[in-house]
Amino acid sequence: MSSVATTKMSSKGQVVIPEEIREQLGLESGTQFVVLGHGDSVMLKVITPPSKKAVKEMMDKVSAAARREGLKKSELDKAIQKVRAKKK
């Protein structure tokens, strides 16, 4: 599944990902990337949102930890409101 292609950077710093690679990876307009640079290498990593299953698993773990600590829903709601008020 690995492909090799060449491209070049424009004067505005834009790089075109060759069509073959875009199709192979299913990349579409608006796809977001993390850009990593090290030495003379640049790597693009597609940012993918977590699946609904992964979010549910994370929320279940957070809920279990809150229960273990004896936190009440009303205390969590109050803490959330406090943080949101600071952002305004």
Foldseek 3Di string as FASTA:
>chain_A
DDDDDDWDADPVRDTDDDPVVCVVVVPDPPFDWDWDDDDPDIDTDTDDDDDPVVVVVVVVVVVVVCVVVVHDPVNVVVVVVVVVVVVD
